[in-house]
Amino acid sequence: MSVKSRLRTLACCGILEMAAVIGVPMRPEQIQDLMRTLNEPKIARTNPDDSNRGDGLKTDDSRVPPPAPK
Protein backbone atom coordinates (compact mmCIF):
# COMPACT_ATOMS: atom_id res chain seq x y z
CA MET A 1 0.00 0.00 0.00
CA SER A 2 1.48 3.36 -0.98
CA VAL A 3 1.99 6.27 1.38
CA LYS A 4 -0.60 8.33 -0.49
CA SER A 5 -3.21 5.60 -0.07
CA ARG A 6 -2.42 5.24 3.64
CA LEU A 7 -2.72 8.98 4.21
CA ARG A 8 -6.04 9.05 2.37
CA THR A 9 -7.36 6.21 4.55
CA LEU A 10 -6.11 7.88 7.75
CA ALA A 11 -7.75 11.17 6.73
CA CYS A 12 -11.05 9.41 6.08
CA CYS A 13 -10.88 7.59 9.41
CA GLY A 14 -10.01 10.85 11.18
CA ILE A 15 -13.03 12.60 9.69
CA LEU A 16 -15.26 9.69 10.72
CA GLU A 17 -13.80 9.80 14.25
CA MET A 18 -14.46 13.56 14.56
CA ALA A 19 -18.01 13.01 13.34
CA ALA A 20 -18.50 10.31 15.99
CA VAL A 21 -17.17 12.63 18.71
CA ILE A 22 -19.63 15.42 17.84
CA GLY A 23 -22.50 12.94 17.53
CA VAL A 24 -23.23 12.60 13.83
CA PRO A 25 -25.24 9.39 13.37
CA MET A 26 -23.90 6.83 10.89
CA ARG A 27 -24.90 3.18 10.66
CA PRO A 28 -22.15 0.52 10.72
CA GLU A 29 -23.27 -0.68 7.27
CA GLN A 30 -22.58 2.78 5.83
CA ILE A 31 -19.11 2.80 7.37
CA GLN A 32 -18.37 -0.67 5.98
CA ASP A 33 -19.53 0.39 2.50
CA LEU A 34 -17.35 3.49 2.66
CA MET A 35 -14.27 1.52 3.72
CA ARG A 36 -14.95 -1.10 1.01
CA THR A 37 -15.20 1.67 -1.58
CA LEU A 38 -11.88 3.14 -0.47
CA ASN A 39 -10.17 -0.25 -0.90
CA GLU A 40 -11.48 -0.96 -4.42
CA PRO A 41 -8.92 -0.67 -7.20
CA LYS A 42 -9.61 2.06 -9.72
CA ILE A 43 -9.90 0.88 -13.34
CA ALA A 44 -9.36 3.28 -16.20
CA ARG A 45 -10.76 2.25 -19.57
CA THR A 46 -9.21 3.59 -22.72
CA ASN A 47 -10.14 3.13 -26.33
CA PRO A 48 -6.98 3.07 -28.48
CA ASP A 49 -8.99 3.27 -31.72
CA ASP A 50 -10.56 6.59 -30.73
CA SER A 51 -8.43 9.46 -32.01
CA ASN A 52 -9.04 12.42 -29.75
CA ARG A 53 -7.86 15.69 -31.22
CA GLY A 54 -8.15 17.54 -27.90
CA ASP A 55 -11.08 19.79 -28.74
CA GLY A 56 -13.78 17.13 -28.64
CA LEU A 57 -14.22 17.11 -32.41
CA LYS A 58 -13.12 14.32 -34.67
CA THR A 59 -11.81 15.18 -38.08
CA ASP A 60 -11.91 12.93 -41.10
CA ASP A 61 -8.39 12.71 -42.54
CA SER A 62 -9.75 11.54 -45.91
CA ARG A 63 -11.29 14.99 -46.49
CA VAL A 64 -7.89 16.73 -46.30
CA PRO A 65 -6.78 17.71 -49.81
CA PRO A 66 -3.47 16.22 -51.01
CA PRO A 67 -0.48 18.56 -51.14
CA ALA A 68 0.02 20.53 -54.37
CA PRO A 69 2.63 19.13 -56.80
CA LYS A 70 5.85 21.11 -57.18
C-alpha atoms as a PDB file:
ATOM      1  CA  MET A   1       0.000   0.000   0.000  1.00  0.00           C
ATOM      2  CA  SER A   2       1.480   3.356  -0.982  1.00  0.00           C
ATOM      3  CA  VAL A   3       1.988   6.266   1.380  1.00  0.00           C
ATOM      4  CA  LYS A   4      -0.602   8.328  -0.486  1.00  0.00           C
ATOM      5  CA  SER A   5      -3.207   5.599  -0.066  1.00  0.00           C
ATOM      6  CA  ARG A   6      -2.423   5.236   3.641  1.00  0.00           C
ATOM      7  CA  LEU A   7      -2.717   8.981   4.208  1.00  0.00           C
ATOM      8  CA  ARG A   8      -6.041   9.046   2.373  1.00  0.00           C
ATOM      9  CA  THR A   9      -7.359   6.206   4.549  1.00  0.00           C
ATOM     10  CA  LEU A  10      -6.112   7.884   7.746  1.00  0.00           C
ATOM     11  CA  ALA A  11      -7.754  11.168   6.730  1.00  0.00           C
ATOM     12  CA  CYS A  12     -11.051   9.406   6.078  1.00  0.00           C
ATOM     13  CA  CYS A  13     -10.885   7.589   9.410  1.00  0.00           C
ATOM     14  CA  GLY A  14     -10.006  10.852  11.183  1.00  0.00           C
ATOM     15  CA  ILE A  15     -13.026  12.595   9.689  1.00  0.00           C
ATOM     16  CA  LEU A  16     -15.264   9.695  10.720  1.00  0.00           C
ATOM     17  CA  GLU A  17     -13.804   9.800  14.251  1.00  0.00           C
ATOM     18  CA  MET A  18     -14.460  13.560  14.560  1.00  0.00           C
ATOM     19  CA  ALA A  19     -18.011  13.014  13.341  1.00  0.00           C
ATOM     20  CA  ALA A  20     -18.499  10.314  15.990  1.00  0.00           C
ATOM     21  CA  VAL A  21     -17.174  12.633  18.711  1.00  0.00           C
ATOM     22  CA  ILE A  22     -19.626  15.415  17.845  1.00  0.00           C
ATOM     23  CA  GLY A  23     -22.502  12.939  17.535  1.00  0.00           C
ATOM     24  CA  VAL A  24     -23.228  12.602  13.825  1.00  0.00           C
ATOM     25  CA  PRO A  25     -25.238   9.386  13.367  1.00  0.00           C
ATOM     26  CA  MET A  26     -23.902   6.825  10.891  1.00  0.00           C
ATOM     27  CA  ARG A  27     -24.898   3.179  10.661  1.00  0.00           C
ATOM     28  CA  PRO A  28     -22.146   0.522  10.717  1.00  0.00           C
ATOM     29  CA  GLU A  29     -23.269  -0.684   7.271  1.00  0.00           C
ATOM     30  CA  GLN A  30     -22.582   2.776   5.831  1.00  0.00           C
ATOM     31  CA  ILE A  31     -19.108   2.797   7.366  1.00  0.00           C
ATOM     32  CA  GLN A  32     -18.368  -0.674   5.982  1.00  0.00           C
ATOM     33  CA  ASP A  33     -19.534   0.386   2.499  1.00  0.00           C
ATOM     34  CA  LEU A  34     -17.351   3.493   2.664  1.00  0.00           C
ATOM     35  CA  MET A  35     -14.268   1.523   3.723  1.00  0.00           C
ATOM     36  CA  ARG A  36     -14.949  -1.099   1.014  1.00  0.00           C
ATOM     37  CA  THR A  37     -15.201   1.674  -1.584  1.00  0.00           C
ATOM     38  CA  LEU A  38     -11.881   3.138  -0.472  1.00  0.00           C
ATOM     39  CA  ASN A  39     -10.172  -0.249  -0.899  1.00  0.00           C
ATOM     40  CA  GLU A  40     -11.485  -0.962  -4.422  1.00  0.00           C
ATOM     41  CA  PRO A  41      -8.920  -0.675  -7.200  1.00  0.00           C
ATOM     42  CA  LYS A  42      -9.612   2.058  -9.717  1.00  0.00           C
ATOM     43  CA  ILE A  43      -9.902   0.880 -13.336  1.00  0.00           C
ATOM     44  CA  ALA A  44      -9.361   3.278 -16.202  1.00  0.00           C
ATOM     45  CA  ARG A  45     -10.756   2.254 -19.568  1.00  0.00           C
ATOM     46  CA  THR A  46      -9.210   3.595 -22.723  1.00  0.00           C
ATOM     47  CA  ASN A  47     -10.145   3.130 -26.332  1.00  0.00           C
ATOM     48  CA  PRO A  48      -6.983   3.069 -28.479  1.00  0.00           C
ATOM     49  CA  ASP A  49      -8.990   3.274 -31.716  1.00  0.00           C
ATOM     50  CA  ASP A  50     -10.560   6.586 -30.728  1.00  0.00           C
ATOM     51  CA  SER A  51      -8.430   9.461 -32.010  1.00  0.00           C
ATOM     52  CA  ASN A  52      -9.042  12.417 -29.752  1.00  0.00           C
ATOM     53  CA  ARG A  53      -7.862  15.693 -31.215  1.00  0.00           C
ATOM     54  CA  GLY A  54      -8.148  17.543 -27.900  1.00  0.00           C
ATOM     55  CA  ASP A  55     -11.085  19.792 -28.736  1.00  0.00           C
ATOM     56  CA  GLY A  56     -13.785  17.125 -28.636  1.00  0.00           C
ATOM     57  CA  LEU A  57     -14.220  17.111 -32.407  1.00  0.00           C
ATOM     58  CA  LYS A  58     -13.117  14.320 -34.670  1.00  0.00           C
ATOM     59  CA  THR A  59     -11.807  15.180 -38.079  1.00  0.00           C
ATOM     60  CA  ASP A  60     -11.906  12.927 -41.101  1.00  0.00           C
ATOM     61  CA  ASP A  61      -8.390  12.711 -42.544  1.00  0.00           C
ATOM     62  CA  SER A  62      -9.749  11.540 -45.906  1.00  0.00           C
ATOM     63  CA  ARG A  63     -11.289  14.990 -46.492  1.00  0.00           C
ATOM     64  CA  VAL A  64      -7.894  16.734 -46.303  1.00  0.00           C
ATOM     65  CA  PRO A  65      -6.778  17.708 -49.808  1.00  0.00           C
ATOM     66  CA  PRO A  66      -3.474  16.219 -51.010  1.00  0.00           C
ATOM     67  CA  PRO A  67      -0.478  18.560 -51.138  1.00  0.00           C
ATOM     68  CA  ALA A  68       0.018  20.525 -54.367  1.00  0.00           C
ATOM     69  CA  PRO A  69       2.630  19.134 -56.799  1.00  0.00           C
ATOM     70  CA  LYS A  70       5.847  21.110 -57.183  1.00  0.00           C
END
